[in-house]
N, C-alpha and C. Protein backbone atom coordinates (compact mmCIF):
# COMPACT_ATOMS: atom_id res chain seq x y z
N MET A 1 -40.48 3.01 -4.64
CA MET A 1 -41.51 2.81 -5.66
C MET A 1 -42.35 4.08 -5.77
N ASN A 2 -42.54 4.53 -6.96
CA ASN A 2 -43.33 5.73 -7.21
C ASN A 2 -44.81 5.38 -7.33
N SER A 3 -45.67 6.25 -6.81
CA SER A 3 -47.10 6.05 -6.99
C SER A 3 -47.45 6.44 -8.43
N ARG A 4 -48.60 6.01 -8.86
CA ARG A 4 -49.02 6.33 -10.23
C ARG A 4 -49.13 7.82 -10.45
N SER A 5 -49.69 8.53 -9.49
CA SER A 5 -49.83 9.97 -9.67
C SER A 5 -48.46 10.66 -9.70
N ASP A 6 -47.50 10.16 -8.91
CA ASP A 6 -46.14 10.70 -8.95
C ASP A 6 -45.52 10.48 -10.32
N LEU A 7 -45.73 9.29 -10.87
CA LEU A 7 -45.15 8.98 -12.18
C LEU A 7 -45.69 9.94 -13.24
N LEU A 8 -46.98 10.17 -13.22
CA LEU A 8 -47.59 11.00 -14.26
C LEU A 8 -47.15 12.45 -14.19
N THR A 9 -46.66 12.91 -13.05
CA THR A 9 -46.17 14.29 -12.97
C THR A 9 -44.88 14.46 -13.76
N ARG A 10 -44.24 13.35 -14.11
CA ARG A 10 -43.01 13.40 -14.90
C ARG A 10 -43.28 13.73 -16.36
N ILE A 11 -44.53 13.58 -16.79
CA ILE A 11 -44.90 13.86 -18.18
C ILE A 11 -45.41 15.29 -18.25
N THR A 12 -44.77 16.08 -19.12
CA THR A 12 -45.12 17.49 -19.26
C THR A 12 -45.51 17.80 -20.70
N GLN A 13 -46.37 18.78 -20.84
CA GLN A 13 -46.74 19.29 -22.16
C GLN A 13 -46.60 20.80 -22.11
N ILE A 14 -45.64 21.31 -22.84
CA ILE A 14 -45.34 22.73 -22.83
C ILE A 14 -45.58 23.28 -24.24
N PRO A 15 -46.50 24.24 -24.36
CA PRO A 15 -46.74 24.82 -25.69
C PRO A 15 -45.43 25.32 -26.30
N GLY A 16 -45.22 25.01 -27.56
CA GLY A 16 -44.02 25.46 -28.25
C GLY A 16 -42.83 24.54 -28.11
N GLN A 17 -42.91 23.56 -27.23
CA GLN A 17 -41.82 22.59 -27.09
C GLN A 17 -42.26 21.27 -27.71
N CYS A 18 -41.50 20.81 -28.67
CA CYS A 18 -41.81 19.56 -29.38
C CYS A 18 -43.24 19.56 -29.90
N GLY A 19 -43.69 20.72 -30.39
CA GLY A 19 -45.03 20.81 -30.95
C GLY A 19 -46.14 20.58 -29.93
N GLY A 20 -45.83 20.78 -28.65
CA GLY A 20 -46.83 20.57 -27.61
C GLY A 20 -47.05 19.12 -27.24
N ARG A 21 -46.21 18.25 -27.81
CA ARG A 21 -46.35 16.82 -27.52
C ARG A 21 -45.85 16.50 -26.12
N PRO A 22 -46.38 15.43 -25.52
CA PRO A 22 -45.94 15.04 -24.18
C PRO A 22 -44.45 14.70 -24.16
N CYS A 23 -43.74 15.29 -23.21
CA CYS A 23 -42.31 15.06 -23.02
C CYS A 23 -42.05 14.62 -21.59
N ILE A 24 -40.81 14.31 -21.32
CA ILE A 24 -40.43 13.86 -20.00
C ILE A 24 -39.76 14.99 -19.23
N ARG A 25 -40.35 15.36 -18.11
CA ARG A 25 -39.81 16.35 -17.17
C ARG A 25 -39.31 17.62 -17.85
N GLY A 26 -40.05 18.11 -18.83
CA GLY A 26 -39.69 19.36 -19.48
C GLY A 26 -38.52 19.27 -20.44
N MET A 27 -37.95 18.07 -20.58
CA MET A 27 -36.85 17.88 -21.53
C MET A 27 -37.44 17.67 -22.92
N ARG A 28 -36.60 17.74 -23.89
CA ARG A 28 -37.05 17.52 -25.27
C ARG A 28 -36.95 16.04 -25.65
N ILE A 29 -37.32 15.20 -24.72
CA ILE A 29 -37.41 13.76 -24.97
C ILE A 29 -38.90 13.43 -24.93
N ARG A 30 -39.43 13.09 -26.11
CA ARG A 30 -40.87 12.85 -26.22
C ARG A 30 -41.25 11.47 -25.71
N VAL A 31 -42.44 11.38 -25.16
CA VAL A 31 -42.98 10.10 -24.71
C VAL A 31 -43.01 9.12 -25.88
N THR A 32 -43.40 9.60 -27.05
CA THR A 32 -43.47 8.71 -28.20
C THR A 32 -42.11 8.14 -28.58
N ASP A 33 -41.05 8.91 -28.38
CA ASP A 33 -39.71 8.40 -28.69
C ASP A 33 -39.39 7.19 -27.82
N ILE A 34 -39.68 7.30 -26.53
CA ILE A 34 -39.39 6.21 -25.60
C ILE A 34 -40.27 5.01 -25.92
N LEU A 35 -41.55 5.23 -26.17
CA LEU A 35 -42.46 4.13 -26.48
C LEU A 35 -42.06 3.41 -27.76
N GLU A 36 -41.65 4.17 -28.77
CA GLU A 36 -41.23 3.54 -30.02
C GLU A 36 -39.96 2.72 -29.83
N MET A 37 -39.03 3.21 -29.02
CA MET A 37 -37.83 2.41 -28.74
C MET A 37 -38.18 1.12 -28.03
N LEU A 38 -39.09 1.19 -27.07
CA LEU A 38 -39.51 -0.03 -26.39
C LEU A 38 -40.17 -1.00 -27.35
N ALA A 39 -40.97 -0.47 -28.27
CA ALA A 39 -41.65 -1.31 -29.27
C ALA A 39 -40.65 -1.97 -30.22
N GLU A 40 -39.49 -1.34 -30.40
CA GLU A 40 -38.45 -1.89 -31.27
C GLU A 40 -37.48 -2.79 -30.48
N ASN A 41 -37.90 -3.20 -29.29
CA ASN A 41 -37.12 -4.10 -28.43
C ASN A 41 -35.81 -3.51 -27.92
N VAL A 42 -35.75 -2.18 -27.85
CA VAL A 42 -34.61 -1.55 -27.19
C VAL A 42 -34.86 -1.72 -25.69
N SER A 43 -33.89 -2.23 -24.99
CA SER A 43 -34.08 -2.48 -23.56
C SER A 43 -34.10 -1.17 -22.77
N VAL A 44 -34.72 -1.23 -21.61
CA VAL A 44 -34.74 -0.06 -20.73
C VAL A 44 -33.31 0.34 -20.37
N THR A 45 -32.47 -0.64 -20.15
CA THR A 45 -31.07 -0.36 -19.83
C THR A 45 -30.40 0.42 -20.95
N GLU A 46 -30.64 0.02 -22.20
CA GLU A 46 -30.06 0.73 -23.34
C GLU A 46 -30.60 2.15 -23.44
N ILE A 47 -31.89 2.31 -23.21
CA ILE A 47 -32.50 3.65 -23.27
C ILE A 47 -31.86 4.55 -22.22
N LEU A 48 -31.70 4.04 -21.01
CA LEU A 48 -31.11 4.84 -19.94
C LEU A 48 -29.65 5.16 -20.21
N GLU A 49 -28.95 4.26 -20.90
CA GLU A 49 -27.56 4.54 -21.28
C GLU A 49 -27.49 5.61 -22.37
N ASP A 50 -28.43 5.55 -23.33
CA ASP A 50 -28.45 6.51 -24.43
C ASP A 50 -28.92 7.89 -24.00
N PHE A 51 -29.74 7.95 -22.96
CA PHE A 51 -30.27 9.20 -22.45
C PHE A 51 -29.93 9.30 -20.96
N PRO A 52 -28.72 9.73 -20.64
CA PRO A 52 -28.27 9.73 -19.25
C PRO A 52 -29.09 10.62 -18.31
N ASP A 53 -29.86 11.55 -18.85
CA ASP A 53 -30.70 12.40 -18.00
C ASP A 53 -31.99 11.69 -17.58
N LEU A 54 -32.30 10.57 -18.22
CA LEU A 54 -33.51 9.82 -17.88
C LEU A 54 -33.28 8.94 -16.67
N GLU A 55 -34.38 8.66 -15.98
CA GLU A 55 -34.39 7.73 -14.86
C GLU A 55 -35.39 6.62 -15.17
N LEU A 56 -35.25 5.51 -14.48
CA LEU A 56 -36.17 4.39 -14.68
C LEU A 56 -37.62 4.84 -14.53
N ALA A 57 -37.89 5.68 -13.55
CA ALA A 57 -39.26 6.16 -13.34
C ALA A 57 -39.79 6.93 -14.54
N ASP A 58 -38.93 7.55 -15.32
CA ASP A 58 -39.36 8.26 -16.53
C ASP A 58 -39.91 7.28 -17.56
N VAL A 59 -39.24 6.15 -17.72
CA VAL A 59 -39.71 5.13 -18.66
C VAL A 59 -41.02 4.55 -18.16
N GLN A 60 -41.12 4.30 -16.87
CA GLN A 60 -42.36 3.79 -16.30
C GLN A 60 -43.48 4.80 -16.50
N ALA A 61 -43.17 6.08 -16.37
CA ALA A 61 -44.17 7.13 -16.57
C ALA A 61 -44.69 7.12 -18.00
N CYS A 62 -43.80 6.90 -18.96
CA CYS A 62 -44.22 6.83 -20.37
C CYS A 62 -45.21 5.70 -20.58
N LEU A 63 -44.92 4.55 -20.01
CA LEU A 63 -45.80 3.40 -20.15
C LEU A 63 -47.15 3.66 -19.49
N LEU A 64 -47.14 4.23 -18.31
CA LEU A 64 -48.39 4.53 -17.62
C LEU A 64 -49.19 5.58 -18.38
N PHE A 65 -48.51 6.59 -18.89
CA PHE A 65 -49.18 7.63 -19.67
C PHE A 65 -49.87 7.01 -20.89
N ALA A 66 -49.18 6.14 -21.59
CA ALA A 66 -49.77 5.48 -22.76
C ALA A 66 -50.94 4.59 -22.36
N ALA A 67 -50.80 3.89 -21.27
CA ALA A 67 -51.88 3.02 -20.80
C ALA A 67 -53.13 3.84 -20.48
N ARG A 68 -52.93 4.96 -19.83
CA ARG A 68 -54.07 5.82 -19.49
C ARG A 68 -54.72 6.41 -20.72
N ARG A 69 -53.94 6.71 -21.73
CA ARG A 69 -54.48 7.29 -22.96
C ARG A 69 -55.29 6.29 -23.77
N THR A 70 -55.08 5.01 -23.55
CA THR A 70 -55.79 3.99 -24.33
C THR A 70 -56.90 3.33 -23.52
N ASP A 71 -57.09 3.75 -22.28
CA ASP A 71 -58.11 3.14 -21.42
C ASP A 71 -59.41 3.92 -21.53
N PHE A 72 -60.20 3.54 -22.51
CA PHE A 72 -61.50 4.19 -22.67
C PHE A 72 -62.52 3.12 -22.97
N PRO A 73 -63.76 3.32 -22.50
CA PRO A 73 -64.78 2.31 -22.69
C PRO A 73 -65.18 2.19 -24.16
N ARG A 74 -65.53 1.01 -24.53
CA ARG A 74 -66.01 0.75 -25.89
C ARG A 74 -67.53 0.63 -25.84
N LEU A 75 -68.15 1.42 -26.64
CA LEU A 75 -69.61 1.37 -26.68
C LEU A 75 -70.06 0.30 -27.66
N THR A 76 -70.99 -0.52 -27.21
CA THR A 76 -71.53 -1.55 -28.09
C THR A 76 -73.05 -1.42 -28.11
N ALA A 77 -73.62 -1.90 -29.19
CA ALA A 77 -75.07 -1.80 -29.34
C ALA A 77 -75.77 -2.91 -28.60
């Protein structure tokens, strides 16, 4: 089992690669691509079959990355 901090190291942002968007382990597989496939009910098994360079931890890292990006406090009056 990977720790959360280990998972997040799998997400890279390299200027000039994929427009600087978050990718997986320096590959040209964007986090958004994986998240959109999951949202379209593509199974993790199918994603891993379609992208043989990916590992289960990469998909988990995408989910954790997205969760962290949406975890912000809401200010109320």
